[in-house]
Amino acid sequence: MFRYRTITKIHVIEALRKSKLESSKPSSWRSEELLLFVKNLRKIAKPTIIVANKVDLSIAEDNKGVIKYIPGDPDFKILDSSKLTTRERKGLEYIREKVLKKWGSTGVQQAINKAVLEKLSMIAIYPVEDPIKLTDHKGNVLPDVYLVRKGTTARELAYKIHTDLGKTFLYAIDVRTKRRLGEDYVLKDNDVISIVAAKGR
C-alpha cells in the first residue's frame, strides 16, 4: 500500500544543505545553482531506481519454460535444452559465468529490495490469525506479507488488515516471543504478528 510521496519542508531543507544554498536567497541564485537545487531535491524527495531488461522484445516470450530461475537465486536450471540453439546455450553459459558466478545474481531482486526497503523505507510484516500454527482462518501458513513504512504501529497494522480490527484493537502478539504488544508498539522488519480485537474480521 504505497502513498504518493510528496515534497516536504524537510526535503527542501536537505536539498538546500546539499546544494550549499541554505544561506542565500533563491532570488539571487544563478541558473546553475537553481538546476543543482532542483536535481538534489528530486533525488531526495523522489528517489528513483531504473531496472531495465529485454522483456519488451517479442521474442522474449518464446523463452518461457526454457529455464527455471527464481529471482535472486545464484544460478538457473535449463529445463529443455532441445529448445535452445547453440548460440542460446552459449549465451546462457555466458550469463552463468559472467553475471551469476561473478555477482551472485542478476541484480533485479536486489534493485527491488533497494527500492522498496531502502528508498521507500518499508519493512515486511507477517500477520497471522493463529499464533500457534502461524495460519489464517483457512489454515494457510504465513499467508500474507504486508509492506509498511518504518514507524508503523501495531494498531496501524490492524487498520491495514481490516477496519474492524483497527477500531476494536485490544492488543497484538509477537508470535516469536509470545509477548503481548500494545497499540503503540512500533513494528520491526520481519515481525510475525497476531492481532487480537474485540471484533474479528
N, C-alpha and C. Protein backbone atom coordinates (compact mmCIF):
# COMPACT_ATOMS: atom_id res chain seq x y z
N MET A 1 0.84 -1.18 0.00
CA MET A 1 0.00 0.00 0.00
C MET A 1 0.89 1.24 0.00
N PHE A 2 1.19 1.77 -1.18
CA PHE A 2 2.09 2.91 -1.28
C PHE A 2 1.30 4.20 -1.40
N ARG A 3 1.79 5.24 -0.73
CA ARG A 3 1.22 6.56 -0.89
C ARG A 3 2.11 7.37 -1.81
N TYR A 4 1.48 8.32 -2.53
CA TYR A 4 2.26 9.19 -3.39
C TYR A 4 3.18 10.02 -2.51
N ARG A 5 4.44 10.03 -2.79
CA ARG A 5 5.43 10.71 -1.95
C ARG A 5 5.46 12.19 -2.28
N THR A 6 5.04 13.02 -1.33
CA THR A 6 5.01 14.46 -1.54
C THR A 6 6.32 15.09 -1.08
N ILE A 7 6.61 16.27 -1.61
CA ILE A 7 7.81 17.00 -1.20
C ILE A 7 7.48 17.77 0.08
N THR A 8 8.30 17.57 1.10
CA THR A 8 8.06 18.20 2.39
C THR A 8 9.11 19.27 2.68
N LYS A 9 8.89 20.01 3.75
CA LYS A 9 9.84 21.04 4.18
C LYS A 9 11.20 20.43 4.49
N ILE A 10 11.18 19.23 5.07
CA ILE A 10 12.43 18.54 5.40
C ILE A 10 13.22 18.25 4.14
N HIS A 11 12.54 17.83 3.06
CA HIS A 11 13.21 17.57 1.79
C HIS A 11 13.87 18.84 1.25
N VAL A 12 13.14 19.95 1.33
CA VAL A 12 13.66 21.22 0.81
C VAL A 12 14.89 21.65 1.59
N ILE A 13 14.82 21.54 2.92
CA ILE A 13 15.95 21.93 3.77
C ILE A 13 17.18 21.09 3.45
N GLU A 14 16.97 19.77 3.28
CA GLU A 14 18.08 18.88 2.96
C GLU A 14 18.67 19.19 1.59
N ALA A 15 17.80 19.52 0.62
CA ALA A 15 18.29 19.87 -0.73
C ALA A 15 19.08 21.18 -0.69
N LEU A 16 18.63 22.13 0.10
CA LEU A 16 19.36 23.40 0.25
C LEU A 16 20.74 23.16 0.85
N ARG A 17 20.76 22.31 1.89
CA ARG A 17 22.04 22.00 2.55
C ARG A 17 22.99 21.29 1.60
N LYS A 18 22.47 20.31 0.87
CA LYS A 18 23.32 19.55 -0.06
C LYS A 18 23.82 20.42 -1.20
N SER A 19 23.01 21.40 -1.59
CA SER A 19 23.40 22.30 -2.68
C SER A 19 24.24 23.47 -2.18
N LYS A 20 24.41 23.56 -0.85
CA LYS A 20 25.16 24.66 -0.21
C LYS A 20 24.53 26.01 -0.54
N LEU A 21 23.21 26.05 -0.50
CA LEU A 21 22.47 27.27 -0.82
C LEU A 21 21.60 27.74 0.35
N GLU A 22 21.78 27.11 1.53
CA GLU A 22 20.91 27.44 2.65
C GLU A 22 21.05 28.87 3.16
N SER A 23 22.19 29.51 2.88
CA SER A 23 22.40 30.87 3.39
C SER A 23 22.14 31.95 2.35
N SER A 24 21.66 31.55 1.18
CA SER A 24 21.41 32.54 0.12
C SER A 24 19.93 32.58 -0.25
N LYS A 25 19.49 33.71 -0.80
CA LYS A 25 18.10 33.86 -1.20
C LYS A 25 17.87 33.26 -2.60
N PRO A 26 16.79 32.53 -2.80
CA PRO A 26 16.50 31.94 -4.13
C PRO A 26 16.51 32.97 -5.25
N SER A 27 16.11 34.21 -4.95
CA SER A 27 16.08 35.26 -5.99
C SER A 27 17.47 35.62 -6.49
N SER A 28 18.49 35.26 -5.72
CA SER A 28 19.86 35.57 -6.12
C SER A 28 20.57 34.41 -6.80
N TRP A 29 19.89 33.25 -6.91
CA TRP A 29 20.53 32.08 -7.50
C TRP A 29 20.74 32.25 -8.99
N ARG A 30 21.89 31.75 -9.45
CA ARG A 30 22.15 31.68 -10.88
C ARG A 30 21.44 30.44 -11.43
N SER A 31 21.36 30.34 -12.75
CA SER A 31 20.68 29.20 -13.38
C SER A 31 21.30 27.87 -12.95
N GLU A 32 22.64 27.86 -12.84
CA GLU A 32 23.34 26.64 -12.46
C GLU A 32 22.98 26.22 -11.03
N GLU A 33 22.84 27.20 -10.15
CA GLU A 33 22.50 26.90 -8.76
C GLU A 33 21.06 26.41 -8.65
N LEU A 34 20.17 27.00 -9.40
CA LEU A 34 18.78 26.57 -9.41
C LEU A 34 18.67 25.14 -9.91
N LEU A 35 19.39 24.84 -10.98
CA LEU A 35 19.37 23.49 -11.54
C LEU A 35 19.93 22.48 -10.53
N LEU A 36 21.00 22.85 -9.84
CA LEU A 36 21.61 21.98 -8.83
C LEU A 36 20.61 21.71 -7.70
N PHE A 37 19.93 22.76 -7.25
CA PHE A 37 18.94 22.60 -6.18
C PHE A 37 17.80 21.66 -6.61
N VAL A 38 17.29 21.88 -7.82
CA VAL A 38 16.19 21.06 -8.33
C VAL A 38 16.62 19.59 -8.44
N LYS A 39 17.83 19.35 -8.94
CA LYS A 39 18.34 17.98 -9.08
C LYS A 39 18.44 17.31 -7.71
N ASN A 40 18.99 18.02 -6.74
CA ASN A 40 19.14 17.46 -5.40
C ASN A 40 17.79 17.23 -4.74
N LEU A 41 16.85 18.15 -4.95
CA LEU A 41 15.52 18.00 -4.37
C LEU A 41 14.82 16.77 -4.95
N ARG A 42 14.95 16.58 -6.25
CA ARG A 42 14.33 15.40 -6.89
C ARG A 42 14.94 14.11 -6.34
N LYS A 43 16.26 14.08 -6.18
CA LYS A 43 16.91 12.87 -5.67
C LYS A 43 16.49 12.55 -4.25
N ILE A 44 16.32 13.60 -3.44
CA ILE A 44 15.97 13.40 -2.03
C ILE A 44 14.49 13.06 -1.86
N ALA A 45 13.62 13.81 -2.51
CA ALA A 45 12.18 13.64 -2.33
C ALA A 45 11.57 12.56 -3.22
N LYS A 46 12.17 12.33 -4.39
CA LYS A 46 11.62 11.36 -5.34
C LYS A 46 12.71 10.39 -5.79
N PRO A 47 13.23 9.59 -4.87
CA PRO A 47 14.31 8.66 -5.25
C PRO A 47 13.85 7.70 -6.33
N THR A 48 14.73 7.43 -7.28
CA THR A 48 14.37 6.61 -8.44
C THR A 48 15.43 5.56 -8.70
N ILE A 49 14.98 4.37 -9.02
CA ILE A 49 15.89 3.29 -9.44
C ILE A 49 15.39 2.79 -10.79
N ILE A 50 16.29 2.72 -11.75
CA ILE A 50 15.93 2.22 -13.09
C ILE A 50 16.42 0.78 -13.22
N VAL A 51 15.49 -0.11 -13.51
CA VAL A 51 15.82 -1.51 -13.75
C VAL A 51 15.35 -1.84 -15.16
N ALA A 52 16.26 -2.26 -16.02
CA ALA A 52 15.91 -2.50 -17.42
C ALA A 52 16.17 -3.96 -17.80
N ASN A 53 15.31 -4.48 -18.67
CA ASN A 53 15.54 -5.81 -19.23
C ASN A 53 15.01 -5.83 -20.66
N LYS A 54 14.98 -7.00 -21.27
CA LYS A 54 14.58 -7.09 -22.67
C LYS A 54 13.24 -7.79 -22.83
N VAL A 55 12.39 -7.77 -21.78
CA VAL A 55 11.11 -8.46 -21.87
C VAL A 55 10.16 -7.77 -22.86
N ASP A 56 10.49 -6.53 -23.24
CA ASP A 56 9.63 -5.83 -24.19
C ASP A 56 9.78 -6.37 -25.61
N LEU A 57 10.83 -7.15 -25.85
CA LEU A 57 11.03 -7.72 -27.19
C LEU A 57 10.06 -8.88 -27.40
N SER A 58 9.52 -8.98 -28.60
CA SER A 58 8.51 -10.02 -28.88
C SER A 58 9.06 -11.43 -28.70
N ILE A 59 10.35 -11.62 -28.95
CA ILE A 59 10.94 -12.96 -28.83
C ILE A 59 11.15 -13.38 -27.38
N ALA A 60 11.01 -12.44 -26.44
CA ALA A 60 11.25 -12.76 -25.04
C ALA A 60 10.28 -13.81 -24.53
N GLU A 61 9.02 -13.75 -24.98
CA GLU A 61 8.01 -14.70 -24.50
C GLU A 61 8.31 -16.13 -24.97
N ASP A 62 9.06 -16.26 -26.05
CA ASP A 62 9.38 -17.59 -26.55
C ASP A 62 10.30 -18.34 -25.58
N ASN A 63 10.96 -17.62 -24.69
CA ASN A 63 11.91 -18.24 -23.78
C ASN A 63 11.27 -18.77 -22.49
N LYS A 64 9.96 -18.55 -22.35
CA LYS A 64 9.28 -19.02 -21.15
C LYS A 64 9.31 -20.53 -21.09
N GLY A 65 9.61 -21.07 -19.91
CA GLY A 65 9.62 -22.52 -19.73
C GLY A 65 10.91 -23.19 -20.15
N VAL A 66 11.87 -22.41 -20.63
CA VAL A 66 13.14 -22.99 -21.07
C VAL A 66 14.08 -23.19 -19.89
N ILE A 67 14.07 -22.22 -18.96
CA ILE A 67 14.92 -22.35 -17.78
C ILE A 67 14.07 -22.16 -16.52
N LYS A 68 14.57 -22.68 -15.41
CA LYS A 68 13.95 -22.46 -14.11
C LYS A 68 14.85 -21.52 -13.33
N TYR A 69 14.30 -20.37 -12.99
CA TYR A 69 15.09 -19.39 -12.26
C TYR A 69 14.20 -18.60 -11.31
N ILE A 70 14.55 -18.59 -10.04
CA ILE A 70 13.82 -17.81 -9.05
C ILE A 70 14.60 -16.52 -8.83
N PRO A 71 13.94 -15.37 -8.96
CA PRO A 71 14.63 -14.08 -8.80
C PRO A 71 15.47 -14.03 -7.53
N GLY A 72 16.72 -13.65 -7.72
CA GLY A 72 17.64 -13.57 -6.59
C GLY A 72 18.54 -14.78 -6.44
N ASP A 73 18.18 -15.92 -7.10
CA ASP A 73 18.99 -17.12 -7.00
C ASP A 73 20.35 -16.93 -7.69
N PRO A 74 21.37 -17.64 -7.21
CA PRO A 74 22.70 -17.52 -7.80
C PRO A 74 22.92 -18.38 -9.04
N ASP A 75 21.91 -19.15 -9.45
CA ASP A 75 22.06 -20.00 -10.64
C ASP A 75 20.67 -20.34 -11.19
N PHE A 76 20.65 -20.95 -12.39
CA PHE A 76 19.40 -21.37 -13.02
C PHE A 76 19.55 -22.81 -13.51
N LYS A 77 18.43 -23.42 -13.87
CA LYS A 77 18.46 -24.78 -14.39
C LYS A 77 17.80 -24.79 -15.76
N ILE A 78 18.47 -25.38 -16.73
CA ILE A 78 17.91 -25.50 -18.07
C ILE A 78 16.92 -26.66 -18.06
N LEU A 79 15.66 -26.39 -18.40
CA LEU A 79 14.61 -27.41 -18.34
C LEU A 79 14.51 -28.23 -19.62
N ASP A 80 14.73 -27.57 -20.75
CA ASP A 80 14.62 -28.27 -22.03
C ASP A 80 15.65 -27.71 -22.99
N SER A 81 16.82 -28.33 -23.02
CA SER A 81 17.92 -27.85 -23.87
C SER A 81 17.63 -28.02 -25.35
N SER A 82 16.65 -28.89 -25.69
CA SER A 82 16.33 -29.11 -27.11
C SER A 82 15.69 -27.86 -27.73
N LYS A 83 15.15 -26.97 -26.89
CA LYS A 83 14.53 -25.75 -27.39
C LYS A 83 15.56 -24.64 -27.63
N LEU A 84 16.80 -24.91 -27.25
CA LEU A 84 17.84 -23.89 -27.35
C LEU A 84 18.77 -24.15 -28.53
N THR A 85 19.15 -23.08 -29.18
CA THR A 85 20.16 -23.18 -30.23
C THR A 85 21.53 -23.18 -29.55
N THR A 86 22.55 -23.51 -30.31
CA THR A 86 23.91 -23.49 -29.78
C THR A 86 24.26 -22.09 -29.28
N ARG A 87 23.84 -21.09 -30.02
CA ARG A 87 24.11 -19.71 -29.64
C ARG A 87 23.41 -19.34 -28.33
N GLU A 88 22.18 -19.81 -28.16
CA GLU A 88 21.44 -19.52 -26.93
C GLU A 88 22.06 -20.22 -25.73
N ARG A 89 22.52 -21.46 -25.93
CA ARG A 89 23.18 -22.18 -24.84
C ARG A 89 24.45 -21.47 -24.41
N LYS A 90 25.19 -20.97 -25.41
CA LYS A 90 26.41 -20.22 -25.10
C LYS A 90 26.07 -18.92 -24.36
N GLY A 91 24.95 -18.32 -24.77
CA GLY A 91 24.52 -17.09 -24.11
C GLY A 91 24.18 -17.32 -22.65
N LEU A 92 23.46 -18.41 -22.38
CA LEU A 92 23.10 -18.74 -21.00
C LEU A 92 24.35 -19.06 -20.18
N GLU A 93 25.28 -19.77 -20.79
CA GLU A 93 26.51 -20.11 -20.08
C GLU A 93 27.32 -18.84 -19.78
N TYR A 94 27.25 -17.89 -20.71
CA TYR A 94 27.94 -16.61 -20.51
C TYR A 94 27.33 -15.89 -19.30
N ILE A 95 26.00 -15.88 -19.24
CA ILE A 95 25.30 -15.24 -18.11
C ILE A 95 25.68 -15.93 -16.79
N ARG A 96 25.73 -17.26 -16.84
CA ARG A 96 26.08 -18.01 -15.63
C ARG A 96 27.49 -17.67 -15.15
N GLU A 97 28.43 -17.61 -16.08
CA GLU A 97 29.83 -17.38 -15.71
C GLU A 97 30.12 -15.91 -15.41
N LYS A 98 29.62 -15.03 -16.27
CA LYS A 98 29.99 -13.61 -16.17
C LYS A 98 29.08 -12.77 -15.27
N VAL A 99 27.87 -13.27 -15.02
CA VAL A 99 26.93 -12.49 -14.19
C VAL A 99 26.67 -13.19 -12.86
N LEU A 100 26.09 -14.40 -12.92
CA LEU A 100 25.68 -15.08 -11.69
C LEU A 100 26.85 -15.49 -10.82
N LYS A 101 27.86 -16.14 -11.41
CA LYS A 101 29.00 -16.57 -10.60
C LYS A 101 29.82 -15.38 -10.11
N LYS A 102 29.86 -14.32 -10.92
CA LYS A 102 30.67 -13.15 -10.56
C LYS A 102 29.97 -12.25 -9.56
N TRP A 103 28.65 -12.02 -9.78
CA TRP A 103 27.92 -11.06 -8.96
C TRP A 103 26.92 -11.69 -8.00
N GLY A 104 26.65 -12.99 -8.15
CA GLY A 104 25.74 -13.66 -7.22
C GLY A 104 24.29 -13.70 -7.66
N SER A 105 23.90 -12.81 -8.58
CA SER A 105 22.54 -12.79 -9.11
C SER A 105 22.47 -11.81 -10.27
N THR A 106 21.28 -11.69 -10.86
CA THR A 106 21.12 -10.74 -11.97
C THR A 106 21.04 -9.31 -11.45
N GLY A 107 20.74 -9.16 -10.17
CA GLY A 107 20.65 -7.82 -9.58
C GLY A 107 19.24 -7.25 -9.55
N VAL A 108 18.29 -7.92 -10.24
CA VAL A 108 16.92 -7.40 -10.29
C VAL A 108 16.28 -7.43 -8.90
N GLN A 109 16.41 -8.58 -8.20
CA GLN A 109 15.81 -8.68 -6.88
C GLN A 109 16.43 -7.68 -5.91
N GLN A 110 17.75 -7.49 -6.03
CA GLN A 110 18.42 -6.53 -5.17
C GLN A 110 17.93 -5.12 -5.44
N ALA A 111 17.66 -4.83 -6.73
CA ALA A 111 17.16 -3.50 -7.09
C ALA A 111 15.77 -3.27 -6.49
N ILE A 112 14.93 -4.31 -6.55
CA ILE A 112 13.60 -4.20 -5.96
C ILE A 112 13.70 -4.01 -4.46
N ASN A 113 14.57 -4.80 -3.82
CA ASN A 113 14.75 -4.68 -2.37
C ASN A 113 15.23 -3.28 -2.00
N LYS A 114 16.17 -2.75 -2.80
CA LYS A 114 16.71 -1.43 -2.51
C LYS A 114 15.63 -0.36 -2.67
N ALA A 115 14.82 -0.51 -3.73
CA ALA A 115 13.77 0.48 -3.97
C ALA A 115 12.73 0.47 -2.86
N VAL A 116 12.28 -0.72 -2.49
CA VAL A 116 11.19 -0.84 -1.52
C VAL A 116 11.68 -0.68 -0.08
N LEU A 117 12.72 -1.42 0.27
CA LEU A 117 13.16 -1.45 1.67
C LEU A 117 14.02 -0.26 2.07
N GLU A 118 14.83 0.24 1.13
CA GLU A 118 15.71 1.35 1.47
C GLU A 118 15.13 2.69 1.05
N LYS A 119 14.87 2.86 -0.24
CA LYS A 119 14.41 4.16 -0.74
C LYS A 119 13.04 4.54 -0.19
N LEU A 120 12.12 3.57 -0.11
CA LEU A 120 10.78 3.86 0.38
C LEU A 120 10.63 3.59 1.87
N SER A 121 11.73 3.12 2.50
CA SER A 121 11.74 2.86 3.95
C SER A 121 10.60 1.95 4.40
N MET A 122 10.44 0.84 3.67
CA MET A 122 9.39 -0.11 4.01
C MET A 122 9.98 -1.29 4.78
N ILE A 123 9.15 -1.96 5.55
CA ILE A 123 9.53 -3.19 6.24
C ILE A 123 8.47 -4.25 5.96
N ALA A 124 8.86 -5.52 6.10
CA ALA A 124 7.95 -6.63 5.84
C ALA A 124 7.39 -7.17 7.16
N ILE A 125 6.06 -7.26 7.23
CA ILE A 125 5.38 -7.77 8.41
C ILE A 125 4.47 -8.94 8.00
N TYR A 126 4.47 -9.99 8.82
CA TYR A 126 3.69 -11.18 8.52
C TYR A 126 2.55 -11.34 9.55
N PRO A 127 1.33 -10.91 9.21
CA PRO A 127 0.21 -11.06 10.15
C PRO A 127 -0.41 -12.46 10.04
N VAL A 128 -0.74 -13.06 11.19
CA VAL A 128 -1.39 -14.37 11.21
C VAL A 128 -2.54 -14.33 12.21
N GLU A 129 -3.53 -15.16 12.00
CA GLU A 129 -4.66 -15.24 12.93
C GLU A 129 -4.36 -16.21 14.07
N ASP A 130 -3.75 -17.34 13.73
CA ASP A 130 -3.42 -18.35 14.73
C ASP A 130 -1.94 -18.23 15.09
N PRO A 131 -1.61 -17.71 16.28
CA PRO A 131 -0.22 -17.50 16.66
C PRO A 131 0.55 -18.79 16.96
N ILE A 132 -0.16 -19.91 17.07
CA ILE A 132 0.49 -21.19 17.33
C ILE A 132 0.86 -21.87 16.02
N LYS A 133 -0.13 -21.96 15.11
CA LYS A 133 0.10 -22.65 13.83
C LYS A 133 0.60 -21.71 12.73
N LEU A 134 0.62 -20.40 13.02
CA LEU A 134 1.06 -19.38 12.05
C LEU A 134 0.20 -19.39 10.80
N THR A 135 -1.11 -19.50 10.97
CA THR A 135 -2.02 -19.61 9.83
C THR A 135 -3.11 -18.54 9.86
N ASP A 136 -3.81 -18.43 8.73
CA ASP A 136 -5.02 -17.62 8.69
C ASP A 136 -6.21 -18.52 9.01
N HIS A 137 -7.45 -18.03 8.89
CA HIS A 137 -8.62 -18.83 9.25
C HIS A 137 -8.86 -20.00 8.28
N LYS A 138 -8.15 -19.99 7.15
CA LYS A 138 -8.29 -21.09 6.20
C LYS A 138 -7.20 -22.15 6.37
N GLY A 139 -6.28 -21.90 7.29
CA GLY A 139 -5.20 -22.86 7.52
C GLY A 139 -3.95 -22.62 6.70
N ASN A 140 -3.92 -21.52 5.95
CA ASN A 140 -2.73 -21.20 5.15
C ASN A 140 -1.61 -20.69 6.05
N VAL A 141 -0.43 -21.27 5.95
CA VAL A 141 0.71 -20.89 6.78
C VAL A 141 1.36 -19.62 6.24
N LEU A 142 1.58 -18.64 7.13
CA LEU A 142 2.15 -17.34 6.75
C LEU A 142 1.58 -16.87 5.41
N PRO A 143 0.28 -16.63 5.38
CA PRO A 143 -0.40 -16.37 4.11
C PRO A 143 -0.09 -15.03 3.46
N ASP A 144 0.25 -14.04 4.26
CA ASP A 144 0.43 -12.70 3.71
C ASP A 144 1.71 -12.04 4.21
N VAL A 145 2.18 -11.11 3.42
CA VAL A 145 3.23 -10.21 3.89
C VAL A 145 2.76 -8.79 3.58
N TYR A 146 2.81 -7.94 4.57
CA TYR A 146 2.43 -6.54 4.40
C TYR A 146 3.69 -5.68 4.38
N LEU A 147 3.78 -4.84 3.36
CA LEU A 147 4.88 -3.88 3.30
C LEU A 147 4.36 -2.58 3.90
N VAL A 148 4.95 -2.17 5.02
CA VAL A 148 4.52 -0.95 5.71
C VAL A 148 5.73 -0.07 5.94
N ARG A 149 5.48 1.21 6.14
CA ARG A 149 6.58 2.13 6.37
C ARG A 149 7.17 1.92 7.77
N LYS A 150 8.48 2.14 7.87
CA LYS A 150 9.12 2.10 9.18
C LYS A 150 8.41 3.09 10.10
N GLY A 151 8.17 2.67 11.33
CA GLY A 151 7.47 3.53 12.27
C GLY A 151 6.00 3.17 12.42
N THR A 152 5.51 2.23 11.60
CA THR A 152 4.12 1.79 11.68
C THR A 152 3.89 1.06 13.01
N THR A 153 2.76 1.35 13.65
CA THR A 153 2.44 0.72 14.94
C THR A 153 1.55 -0.50 14.75
N ALA A 154 1.39 -1.26 15.84
CA ALA A 154 0.56 -2.46 15.80
C ALA A 154 -0.88 -2.12 15.45
N ARG A 155 -1.40 -1.04 16.01
CA ARG A 155 -2.78 -0.66 15.72
C ARG A 155 -2.94 -0.22 14.26
N GLU A 156 -1.95 0.49 13.73
CA GLU A 156 -2.00 0.92 12.33
C GLU A 156 -1.99 -0.29 11.40
N LEU A 157 -1.24 -1.32 11.78
CA LEU A 157 -1.24 -2.57 11.01
C LEU A 157 -2.64 -3.19 11.05
N ALA A 158 -3.27 -3.17 12.22
CA ALA A 158 -4.61 -3.73 12.35
C ALA A 158 -5.58 -3.05 11.39
N TYR A 159 -5.48 -1.73 11.28
CA TYR A 159 -6.35 -0.99 10.36
C TYR A 159 -6.07 -1.39 8.92
N LYS A 160 -4.81 -1.65 8.58
CA LYS A 160 -4.46 -2.04 7.21
C LYS A 160 -5.05 -3.41 6.86
N ILE A 161 -5.12 -4.29 7.87
CA ILE A 161 -5.68 -5.61 7.63
C ILE A 161 -7.19 -5.52 7.46
N HIS A 162 -7.84 -4.83 8.39
CA HIS A 162 -9.30 -4.66 8.31
C HIS A 162 -9.70 -3.53 9.26
N THR A 163 -10.61 -2.67 8.82
CA THR A 163 -11.05 -1.53 9.63
C THR A 163 -11.57 -1.96 11.00
N ASP A 164 -12.33 -3.05 11.05
CA ASP A 164 -12.88 -3.52 12.32
C ASP A 164 -11.78 -3.91 13.31
N LEU A 165 -10.71 -4.49 12.79
CA LEU A 165 -9.60 -4.87 13.67
C LEU A 165 -8.94 -3.64 14.27
N GLY A 166 -8.85 -2.59 13.47
CA GLY A 166 -8.25 -1.35 13.96
C GLY A 166 -9.14 -0.67 14.99
N LYS A 167 -10.43 -0.62 14.71
CA LYS A 167 -11.37 0.07 15.61
C LYS A 167 -11.50 -0.63 16.96
N THR A 168 -11.48 -1.96 16.94
CA THR A 168 -11.70 -2.71 18.19
C THR A 168 -10.43 -3.39 18.69
N PHE A 169 -9.29 -2.85 18.28
CA PHE A 169 -7.98 -3.40 18.65
C PHE A 169 -7.85 -3.51 20.17
N LEU A 170 -7.42 -4.68 20.64
CA LEU A 170 -7.15 -4.87 22.07
C LEU A 170 -5.64 -4.91 22.33
N TYR A 171 -4.97 -5.80 21.60
CA TYR A 171 -3.52 -5.91 21.69
C TYR A 171 -3.03 -6.78 20.54
N ALA A 172 -1.73 -6.84 20.39
CA ALA A 172 -1.13 -7.72 19.38
C ALA A 172 -0.21 -8.70 20.09
N ILE A 173 0.12 -9.76 19.41
CA ILE A 173 1.03 -10.76 19.97
C ILE A 173 2.24 -10.90 19.05
N ASP A 174 3.44 -10.79 19.65
CA ASP A 174 4.67 -11.10 18.91
C ASP A 174 4.76 -12.62 18.91
N VAL A 175 4.51 -13.22 17.77
CA VAL A 175 4.41 -14.68 17.69
C VAL A 175 5.69 -15.38 18.10
N ARG A 176 6.82 -14.78 17.82
CA ARG A 176 8.10 -15.43 18.15
C ARG A 176 8.33 -15.47 19.67
N THR A 177 8.05 -14.38 20.34
CA THR A 177 8.33 -14.29 21.78
C THR A 177 7.10 -14.55 22.65
N LYS A 178 5.90 -14.59 22.00
CA LYS A 178 4.62 -14.75 22.71
C LYS A 178 4.31 -13.53 23.59
N ARG A 179 5.01 -12.44 23.38
CA ARG A 179 4.82 -11.24 24.19
C ARG A 179 3.61 -10.45 23.71
N ARG A 180 2.84 -9.92 24.66
CA ARG A 180 1.70 -9.08 24.33
C ARG A 180 2.19 -7.67 24.02
N LEU A 181 1.68 -7.10 22.93
CA LEU A 181 2.13 -5.78 22.47
C LEU A 181 0.98 -4.79 22.49
N GLY A 182 1.25 -3.57 22.94
CA GLY A 182 0.23 -2.53 22.97
C GLY A 182 0.05 -1.88 21.61
N GLU A 183 -0.93 -1.00 21.51
CA GLU A 183 -1.25 -0.36 20.24
C GLU A 183 -0.14 0.51 19.70
N ASP A 184 0.72 1.03 20.57
CA ASP A 184 1.80 1.92 20.15
C ASP A 184 3.11 1.19 19.84
N TYR A 185 3.08 -0.13 19.91
CA TYR A 185 4.30 -0.89 19.59
C TYR A 185 4.71 -0.61 18.15
N VAL A 186 5.96 -0.23 17.96
CA VAL A 186 6.48 0.06 16.62
C VAL A 186 7.01 -1.23 16.00
N LEU A 187 6.44 -1.60 14.88
CA LEU A 187 6.78 -2.85 14.21
C LEU A 187 8.22 -2.87 13.71
N LYS A 188 8.82 -4.06 13.74
CA LYS A 188 10.18 -4.26 13.23
C LYS A 188 10.13 -5.15 11.99
N ASP A 189 11.13 -5.01 11.14
CA ASP A 189 11.18 -5.80 9.91
C ASP A 189 11.12 -7.29 10.23
N ASN A 190 10.28 -8.01 9.51
CA ASN A 190 10.09 -9.46 9.63
C ASN A 190 9.35 -9.88 10.90
N ASP A 191 8.66 -8.94 11.56
CA ASP A 191 7.81 -9.31 12.69
C ASP A 191 6.68 -10.23 12.21
N VAL A 192 6.38 -11.25 13.01
CA VAL A 192 5.21 -12.10 12.77
C VAL A 192 4.22 -11.72 13.88
N ILE A 193 3.09 -11.16 13.48
CA ILE A 193 2.17 -10.54 14.43
C ILE A 193 0.76 -11.13 14.34
N SER A 194 0.16 -11.34 15.50
CA SER A 194 -1.24 -11.75 15.55
C SER A 194 -2.01 -10.63 16.25
N ILE A 195 -3.07 -10.16 15.62
CA ILE A 195 -3.89 -9.06 16.16
C ILE A 195 -5.07 -9.64 16.93
N VAL A 196 -5.25 -9.17 18.14
CA VAL A 196 -6.40 -9.58 18.95
C VAL A 196 -7.32 -8.36 19.07
N ALA A 197 -8.57 -8.53 18.65
CA ALA A 197 -9.53 -7.43 18.65
C ALA A 197 -10.87 -7.91 19.20
N ALA A 198 -11.67 -6.96 19.67
CA ALA A 198 -12.99 -7.31 20.21
C ALA A 198 -13.91 -7.82 19.11
N LYS A 199 -13.67 -7.33 17.89
CA LYS A 199 -14.48 -7.75 16.76
C LYS A 199 -13.56 -8.21 15.63
N GLY A 200 -13.59 -9.50 15.33
CA GLY A 200 -12.74 -10.02 14.27
C GLY A 200 -13.27 -9.63 12.91
N ARG A 201 -12.45 -9.87 11.88
CA ARG A 201 -12.93 -9.52 10.54
C ARG A 201 -13.84 -10.60 9.99
